[in-house]
Amino acid sequence: MKQLKRITLDPEVMGGKPCIRGLRVTVGTIVGLMASGHSTEDILKAYPYLEPEDMQEALTYAAWRVKELDRL
């Protein structure tokens, strides 16, 4: 997997869940919104401190995690 620079894991932020750039926005929140039909533009309006690259990296991380879980 390529190096992800926007996904952080910190036990002090959101209980250690993977977050976007140390913010209190989890990868799960972003992927869940996208899965529910919200566009990148909708999400960026709701979370103006996020960037389009955050959306892409959240999907990349989620896809990688699914692959890792499939190996178990």
PDB file of N, CA and C in Angstrom:
ATOM      1  N   MET A   1       0.846  -1.182   0.000  1.00  0.00           N
ATOM      2  CA  MET A   1       0.000   0.000   0.000  1.00  0.00           C
ATOM      3  C   MET A   1       0.884   1.235   0.000  1.00  0.00           C
ATOM      4  N   LYS A   2       0.465   2.264  -0.746  1.00  0.00           N
ATOM      5  CA  LYS A   2       1.228   3.496  -0.753  1.00  0.00           C
ATOM      6  C   LYS A   2       1.128   4.183   0.602  1.00  0.00           C
ATOM      7  N   GLN A   3       2.078   5.033   0.874  1.00  0.00           N
ATOM      8  CA  GLN A   3       2.098   5.765   2.140  1.00  0.00           C
ATOM      9  C   GLN A   3       0.911   6.723   2.198  1.00  0.00           C
ATOM     10  N   LEU A   4       0.124   6.623   3.239  1.00  0.00           N
ATOM     11  CA  LEU A   4      -1.005   7.532   3.429  1.00  0.00           C
ATOM     12  C   LEU A   4      -0.577   8.639   4.379  1.00  0.00           C
ATOM     13  N   LYS A   5      -0.672   9.861   3.926  1.00  0.00           N
ATOM     14  CA  LYS A   5      -0.210  10.996   4.718  1.00  0.00           C
ATOM     15  C   LYS A   5      -1.346  11.740   5.401  1.00  0.00           C
ATOM     16  N   ARG A   6      -2.566  11.438   5.043  1.00  0.00           N
ATOM     17  CA  ARG A   6      -3.704  12.175   5.575  1.00  0.00           C
ATOM     18  C   ARG A   6      -4.505  11.388   6.621  1.00  0.00           C
ATOM     19  N   ILE A   7      -4.203  10.120   6.776  1.00  0.00           N
ATOM     20  CA  ILE A   7      -4.912   9.278   7.741  1.00  0.00           C
ATOM     21  C   ILE A   7      -4.048   9.153   8.996  1.00  0.00           C
ATOM     22  N   THR A   8      -4.636   9.485  10.132  1.00  0.00           N
ATOM     23  CA  THR A   8      -3.906   9.415  11.397  1.00  0.00           C
ATOM     24  C   THR A   8      -4.632   8.498  12.363  1.00  0.00           C
ATOM     25  N   LEU A   9      -3.848   7.860  13.204  1.00  0.00           N
ATOM     26  CA  LEU A   9      -4.383   7.010  14.270  1.00  0.00           C
ATOM     27  C   LEU A   9      -3.744   7.494  15.572  1.00  0.00           C
ATOM     28  N   ASP A  10      -4.566   8.049  16.445  1.00  0.00           N
ATOM     29  CA  ASP A  10      -4.083   8.604  17.705  1.00  0.00           C
ATOM     30  C   ASP A  10      -5.070   8.199  18.794  1.00  0.00           C
ATOM     31  N   PRO A  11      -4.604   7.486  19.820  1.00  0.00           N
ATOM     32  CA  PRO A  11      -5.524   7.049  20.873  1.00  0.00           C
ATOM     33  C   PRO A  11      -6.231   8.211  21.582  1.00  0.00           C
ATOM     34  N   GLU A  12      -5.687   9.407  21.466  1.00  0.00           N
ATOM     35  CA  GLU A  12      -6.286  10.578  22.115  1.00  0.00           C
ATOM     36  C   GLU A  12      -7.358  11.259  21.245  1.00  0.00           C
ATOM     37  N   VAL A  13      -7.476  10.836  19.995  1.00  0.00           N
ATOM     38  CA  VAL A  13      -8.450  11.445  19.084  1.00  0.00           C
ATOM     39  C   VAL A  13      -9.427  10.366  18.617  1.00  0.00           C
ATOM     40  N   MET A  14     -10.682  10.552  18.936  1.00  0.00           N
ATOM     41  CA  MET A  14     -11.756   9.636  18.527  1.00  0.00           C
ATOM     42  C   MET A  14     -11.457   8.182  18.918  1.00  0.00           C
ATOM     43  N   GLY A  15     -10.847   8.002  20.054  1.00  0.00           N
ATOM     44  CA  GLY A  15     -10.589   6.660  20.569  1.00  0.00           C
ATOM     45  C   GLY A  15      -9.634   5.839  19.727  1.00  0.00           C
ATOM     46  N   GLY A  16      -8.809   6.509  18.926  1.00  0.00           N
ATOM     47  CA  GLY A  16      -7.829   5.797  18.113  1.00  0.00           C
ATOM     48  C   GLY A  16      -8.343   5.341  16.759  1.00  0.00           C
ATOM     49  N   LYS A  17      -9.572   5.702  16.434  1.00  0.00           N
ATOM     50  CA  LYS A  17     -10.101   5.353  15.103  1.00  0.00           C
ATOM     51  C   LYS A  17      -9.313   6.136  14.044  1.00  0.00           C
ATOM     52  N   PRO A  18      -9.213   5.592  12.842  1.00  0.00           N
ATOM     53  CA  PRO A  18      -8.522   6.328  11.781  1.00  0.00           C
ATOM     54  C   PRO A  18      -9.279   7.608  11.448  1.00  0.00           C
ATOM     55  N   CYS A  19      -8.542   8.710  11.493  1.00  0.00           N
ATOM     56  CA  CYS A  19      -9.123  10.033  11.261  1.00  0.00           C
ATOM     57  C   CYS A  19      -8.417  10.737  10.111  1.00  0.00           C
ATOM     58  N   ILE A  20      -9.033  11.793   9.656  1.00  0.00           N
ATOM     59  CA  ILE A  20      -8.466  12.617   8.606  1.00  0.00           C
ATOM     60  C   ILE A  20      -7.589  13.690   9.249  1.00  0.00           C
ATOM     61  N   ARG A  21      -6.296  13.646   8.982  1.00  0.00           N
ATOM     62  CA  ARG A  21      -5.320  14.648   9.401  1.00  0.00           C
ATOM     63  C   ARG A  21      -5.420  15.036  10.871  1.00  0.00           C
ATOM     64  N   GLY A  22      -5.719  14.089  11.735  1.00  0.00           N
ATOM     65  CA  GLY A  22      -5.785  14.372  13.166  1.00  0.00           C
ATOM     66  C   GLY A  22      -7.038  15.111  13.594  1.00  0.00           C
ATOM     67  N   LEU A  23      -7.929  15.364  12.657  1.00  0.00           N
ATOM     68  CA  LEU A  23      -9.188  16.026  12.974  1.00  0.00           C
ATOM     69  C   LEU A  23     -10.156  15.009  13.568  1.00  0.00           C
ATOM     70  N   ARG A  24     -11.221  15.493  14.103  1.00  0.00           N
ATOM     71  CA  ARG A  24     -12.214  14.606  14.705  1.00  0.00           C
ATOM     72  C   ARG A  24     -13.242  14.147  13.668  1.00  0.00           C
ATOM     73  N   VAL A  25     -12.753  13.808  12.503  1.00  0.00           N
ATOM     74  CA  VAL A  25     -13.578  13.264  11.424  1.00  0.00           C
ATOM     75  C   VAL A  25     -12.965  11.919  11.058  1.00  0.00           C
ATOM     76  N   THR A  26     -13.723  10.856  11.270  1.00  0.00           N
ATOM     77  CA  THR A  26     -13.182   9.523  11.024  1.00  0.00           C
ATOM     78  C   THR A  26     -13.322   9.115   9.565  1.00  0.00           C
ATOM     79  N   VAL A  27     -12.472   8.188   9.183  1.00  0.00           N
ATOM     80  CA  VAL A  27     -12.573   7.589   7.855  1.00  0.00           C
ATOM     81  C   VAL A  27     -13.959   6.966   7.698  1.00  0.00           C
ATOM     82  N   GLY A  28     -14.437   6.318   8.745  1.00  0.00           N
ATOM     83  CA  GLY A  28     -15.761   5.692   8.700  1.00  0.00           C
ATOM     84  C   GLY A  28     -16.874   6.686   8.424  1.00  0.00           C
ATOM     85  N   THR A  29     -16.766   7.878   8.978  1.00  0.00           N
ATOM     86  CA  THR A  29     -17.766   8.914   8.722  1.00  0.00           C
ATOM     87  C   THR A  29     -17.773   9.293   7.251  1.00  0.00           C
ATOM     88  N   ILE A  30     -16.588   9.524   6.700  1.00  0.00           N
ATOM     89  CA  ILE A  30     -16.478   9.925   5.298  1.00  0.00           C
ATOM     90  C   ILE A  30     -16.981   8.815   4.374  1.00  0.00           C
ATOM     91  N   VAL A  31     -16.512   7.602   4.597  1.00  0.00           N
ATOM     92  CA  VAL A  31     -16.922   6.486   3.737  1.00  0.00           C
ATOM     93  C   VAL A  31     -18.424   6.233   3.888  1.00  0.00           C
ATOM     94  N   GLY A  32     -18.937   6.338   5.083  1.00  0.00           N
ATOM     95  CA  GLY A  32     -20.376   6.155   5.292  1.00  0.00           C
ATOM     96  C   GLY A  32     -21.204   7.198   4.562  1.00  0.00           C
ATOM     97  N   LEU A  33     -20.763   8.442   4.597  1.00  0.00           N
ATOM     98  CA  LEU A  33     -21.474   9.493   3.866  1.00  0.00           C
ATOM     99  C   LEU A  33     -21.453   9.233   2.369  1.00  0.00           C
ATOM    100  N   MET A  34     -20.295   8.829   1.861  1.00  0.00           N
ATOM    101  CA  MET A  34     -20.185   8.542   0.432  1.00  0.00           C
ATOM    102  C   MET A  34     -21.068   7.351   0.061  1.00  0.00           C
ATOM    103  N   ALA A  35     -21.084   6.334   0.900  1.00  0.00           N
ATOM    104  CA  ALA A  35     -21.897   5.144   0.633  1.00  0.00           C
ATOM    105  C   ALA A  35     -23.389   5.470   0.667  1.00  0.00           C
ATOM    106  N   SER A  36     -23.753   6.501   1.415  1.00  0.00           N
ATOM    107  CA  SER A  36     -25.158   6.916   1.510  1.00  0.00           C
ATOM    108  C   SER A  36     -25.580   7.819   0.358  1.00  0.00           C
ATOM    109  N   GLY A  37     -24.646   8.083  -0.548  1.00  0.00           N
ATOM    110  CA  GLY A  37     -24.998   8.858  -1.723  1.00  0.00           C
ATOM    111  C   GLY A  37     -24.582  10.316  -1.703  1.00  0.00           C
ATOM    112  N   HIS A  38     -23.920  10.745  -0.642  1.00  0.00           N
ATOM    113  CA  HIS A  38     -23.456  12.129  -0.588  1.00  0.00           C
ATOM    114  C   HIS A  38     -22.249  12.299  -1.500  1.00  0.00           C
ATOM    115  N   SER A  39     -22.237  13.373  -2.236  1.00  0.00           N
ATOM    116  CA  SER A  39     -21.119  13.636  -3.142  1.00  0.00           C
ATOM    117  C   SER A  39     -19.947  14.241  -2.366  1.00  0.00           C
ATOM    118  N   THR A  40     -18.791  14.219  -2.991  1.00  0.00           N
ATOM    119  CA  THR A  40     -17.618  14.864  -2.391  1.00  0.00           C
ATOM    120  C   THR A  40     -17.938  16.327  -2.108  1.00  0.00           C
ATOM    121  N   GLU A  41     -18.613  16.980  -3.029  1.00  0.00           N
ATOM    122  CA  GLU A  41     -18.959  18.389  -2.853  1.00  0.00           C
ATOM    123  C   GLU A  41     -19.851  18.597  -1.630  1.00  0.00           C
ATOM    124  N   ASP A  42     -20.833  17.702  -1.443  1.00  0.00           N
ATOM    125  CA  ASP A  42     -21.712  17.791  -0.267  1.00  0.00           C
ATOM    126  C   ASP A  42     -20.906  17.679   1.022  1.00  0.00           C
ATOM    127  N   ILE A  43     -20.005  16.720   1.048  1.00  0.00           N
ATOM    128  CA  ILE A  43     -19.213  16.476   2.255  1.00  0.00           C
ATOM    129  C   ILE A  43     -18.295  17.656   2.527  1.00  0.00           C
ATOM    130  N   LEU A  44     -17.679  18.202   1.497  1.00  0.00           N
ATOM    131  CA  LEU A  44     -16.793  19.352   1.675  1.00  0.00           C
ATOM    132  C   LEU A  44     -17.556  20.590   2.145  1.00  0.00           C
ATOM    133  N   LYS A  45     -18.809  20.714   1.755  1.00  0.00           N
ATOM    134  CA  LYS A  45     -19.633  21.825   2.259  1.00  0.00           C
ATOM    135  C   LYS A  45     -19.952  21.632   3.733  1.00  0.00           C
ATOM    136  N   ALA A  46     -20.233  20.388   4.113  1.00  0.00           N
ATOM    137  CA  ALA A  46     -20.562  20.089   5.504  1.00  0.00           C
ATOM    138  C   ALA A  46     -19.339  20.164   6.416  1.00  0.00           C
ATOM    139  N   TYR A  47     -18.179  19.846   5.861  1.00  0.00           N
ATOM    140  CA  TYR A  47     -16.909  19.857   6.604  1.00  0.00           C
ATOM    141  C   TYR A  47     -15.925  20.729   5.828  1.00  0.00           C
ATOM    142  N   PRO A  48     -16.060  22.052   5.913  1.00  0.00           N
ATOM    143  CA  PRO A  48     -15.256  22.939   5.061  1.00  0.00           C
ATOM    144  C   PRO A  48     -13.750  22.883   5.320  1.00  0.00           C
ATOM    145  N   TYR A  49     -13.336  22.303   6.419  1.00  0.00           N
ATOM    146  CA  TYR A  49     -11.907  22.183   6.725  1.00  0.00           C
ATOM    147  C   TYR A  49     -11.286  20.947   6.078  1.00  0.00           C
ATOM    148  N   LEU A  50     -12.098  20.118   5.411  1.00  0.00           N
ATOM    149  CA  LEU A  50     -11.565  18.979   4.676  1.00  0.00           C
ATOM    150  C   LEU A  50     -11.215  19.404   3.249  1.00  0.00           C
ATOM    151  N   GLU A  51     -10.411  18.579   2.610  1.00  0.00           N
ATOM    152  CA  GLU A  51      -9.960  18.839   1.247  1.00  0.00           C
ATOM    153  C   GLU A  51     -10.305  17.640   0.369  1.00  0.00           C
ATOM    154  N   PRO A  52     -10.429  17.848  -0.936  1.00  0.00           N
ATOM    155  CA  PRO A  52     -10.770  16.730  -1.825  1.00  0.00           C
ATOM    156  C   PRO A  52      -9.820  15.539  -1.676  1.00  0.00           C
ATOM    157  N   GLU A  53      -8.556  15.794  -1.435  1.00  0.00           N
ATOM    158  CA  GLU A  53      -7.581  14.709  -1.263  1.00  0.00           C
ATOM    159  C   GLU A  53      -7.900  13.855  -0.041  1.00  0.00           C
ATOM    160  N   ASP A  54      -8.554  14.451   0.964  1.00  0.00           N
ATOM    161  CA  ASP A  54      -8.958  13.698   2.155  1.00  0.00           C
ATOM    162  C   ASP A  54      -9.982  12.630   1.786  1.00  0.00           C
ATOM    163  N   MET A  55     -10.890  12.968   0.889  1.00  0.00           N
ATOM    164  CA  MET A  55     -11.919  12.018   0.468  1.00  0.00           C
ATOM    165  C   MET A  55     -11.277  10.814  -0.224  1.00  0.00           C
ATOM    166  N   GLN A  56     -10.363  11.095  -1.132  1.00  0.00           N
ATOM    167  CA  GLN A  56      -9.698  10.023  -1.871  1.00  0.00           C
ATOM    168  C   GLN A  56      -8.892   9.126  -0.938  1.00  0.00           C
ATOM    169  N   GLU A  57      -8.185   9.742  -0.003  1.00  0.00           N
ATOM    170  CA  GLU A  57      -7.366   8.935   0.892  1.00  0.00           C
ATOM    171  C   GLU A  57      -8.218   8.113   1.852  1.00  0.00           C
ATOM    172  N   ALA A  58      -9.373   8.629   2.242  1.00  0.00           N
ATOM    173  CA  ALA A  58     -10.281   7.852   3.094  1.00  0.00           C
ATOM    174  C   ALA A  58     -10.733   6.591   2.357  1.00  0.00           C
ATOM    175  N   LEU A  59     -11.063   6.729   1.084  1.00  0.00           N
ATOM    176  CA  LEU A  59     -11.463   5.556   0.293  1.00  0.00           C
ATOM    177  C   LEU A  59     -10.304   4.587   0.107  1.00  0.00           C
ATOM    178  N   THR A  60      -9.119   5.112  -0.116  1.00  0.00           N
ATOM    179  CA  THR A  60      -7.934   4.260  -0.263  1.00  0.00           C
ATOM    180  C   THR A  60      -7.693   3.465   1.011  1.00  0.00           C
ATOM    181  N   TYR A  61      -7.790   4.126   2.154  1.00  0.00           N
ATOM    182  CA  TYR A  61      -7.583   3.455   3.436  1.00  0.00           C
ATOM    183  C   TYR A  61      -8.652   2.377   3.657  1.00  0.00           C
ATOM    184  N   ALA A  62      -9.905   2.714   3.385  1.00  0.00           N
ATOM    185  CA  ALA A  62     -10.990   1.750   3.590  1.00  0.00           C
ATOM    186  C   ALA A  62     -10.800   0.520   2.709  1.00  0.00           C
ATOM    187  N   ALA A  63     -10.414   0.726   1.460  1.00  0.00           N
ATOM    188  CA  ALA A  63     -10.187  -0.403   0.554  1.00  0.00           C
ATOM    189  C   ALA A  63      -9.046  -1.277   1.053  1.00  0.00           C
ATOM    190  N   TRP A  64      -7.986  -0.665   1.548  1.00  0.00           N
ATOM    191  CA  TRP A  64      -6.853  -1.409   2.083  1.00  0.00           C
ATOM    192  C   TRP A  64      -7.278  -2.231   3.298  1.00  0.00           C
ATOM    193  N   ARG A  65      -8.076  -1.643   4.181  1.00  0.00           N
ATOM    194  CA  ARG A  65      -8.532  -2.368   5.379  1.00  0.00           C
ATOM    195  C   ARG A  65      -9.379  -3.571   5.005  1.00  0.00           C
ATOM    196  N   VAL A  66     -10.232  -3.423   4.021  1.00  0.00           N
ATOM    197  CA  VAL A  66     -11.054  -4.553   3.580  1.00  0.00           C
ATOM    198  C   VAL A  66     -10.163  -5.675   3.072  1.00  0.00           C
ATOM    199  N   LYS A  67      -9.151  -5.340   2.301  1.00  0.00           N
ATOM    200  CA  LYS A  67      -8.214  -6.358   1.820  1.00  0.00           C
ATOM    201  C   LYS A  67      -7.524  -7.059   2.972  1.00  0.00           C
ATOM    202  N   GLU A  68      -7.107  -6.279   3.957  1.00  0.00           N
ATOM    203  CA  GLU A  68      -6.417  -6.868   5.104  1.00  0.00           C
ATOM    204  C   GLU A  68      -7.332  -7.796   5.877  1.00  0.00           C
ATOM    205  N   LEU A  69      -8.582  -7.415   6.058  1.00  0.00           N
ATOM    206  CA  LEU A  69      -9.532  -8.265   6.788  1.00  0.00           C
ATOM    207  C   LEU A  69      -9.842  -9.537   6.014  1.00  0.00           C
ATOM    208  N   ASP A  70      -9.848  -9.453   4.683  1.00  0.00           N
ATOM    209  CA  ASP A  70     -10.090 -10.640   3.867  1.00  0.00           C
ATOM    210  C   ASP A  70      -8.998 -11.682   4.048  1.00  0.00           C
ATOM    211  N   ARG A  71      -7.812 -11.250   4.400  1.00  0.00           N
ATOM    212  CA  ARG A  71      -6.689 -12.173   4.579  1.00  0.00           C
ATOM    213  C   ARG A  71      -6.775 -12.962   5.873  1.00  0.00           C
ATOM    214  N   LEU A  72      -7.586 -12.477   6.803  1.00  0.00           N
ATOM    215  CA  LEU A  72      -7.675 -13.161   8.112  1.00  0.00           C
ATOM    216  C   LEU A  72      -8.465 -14.430   8.046  1.00  0.00           C
TER     217      LEU A  72
END
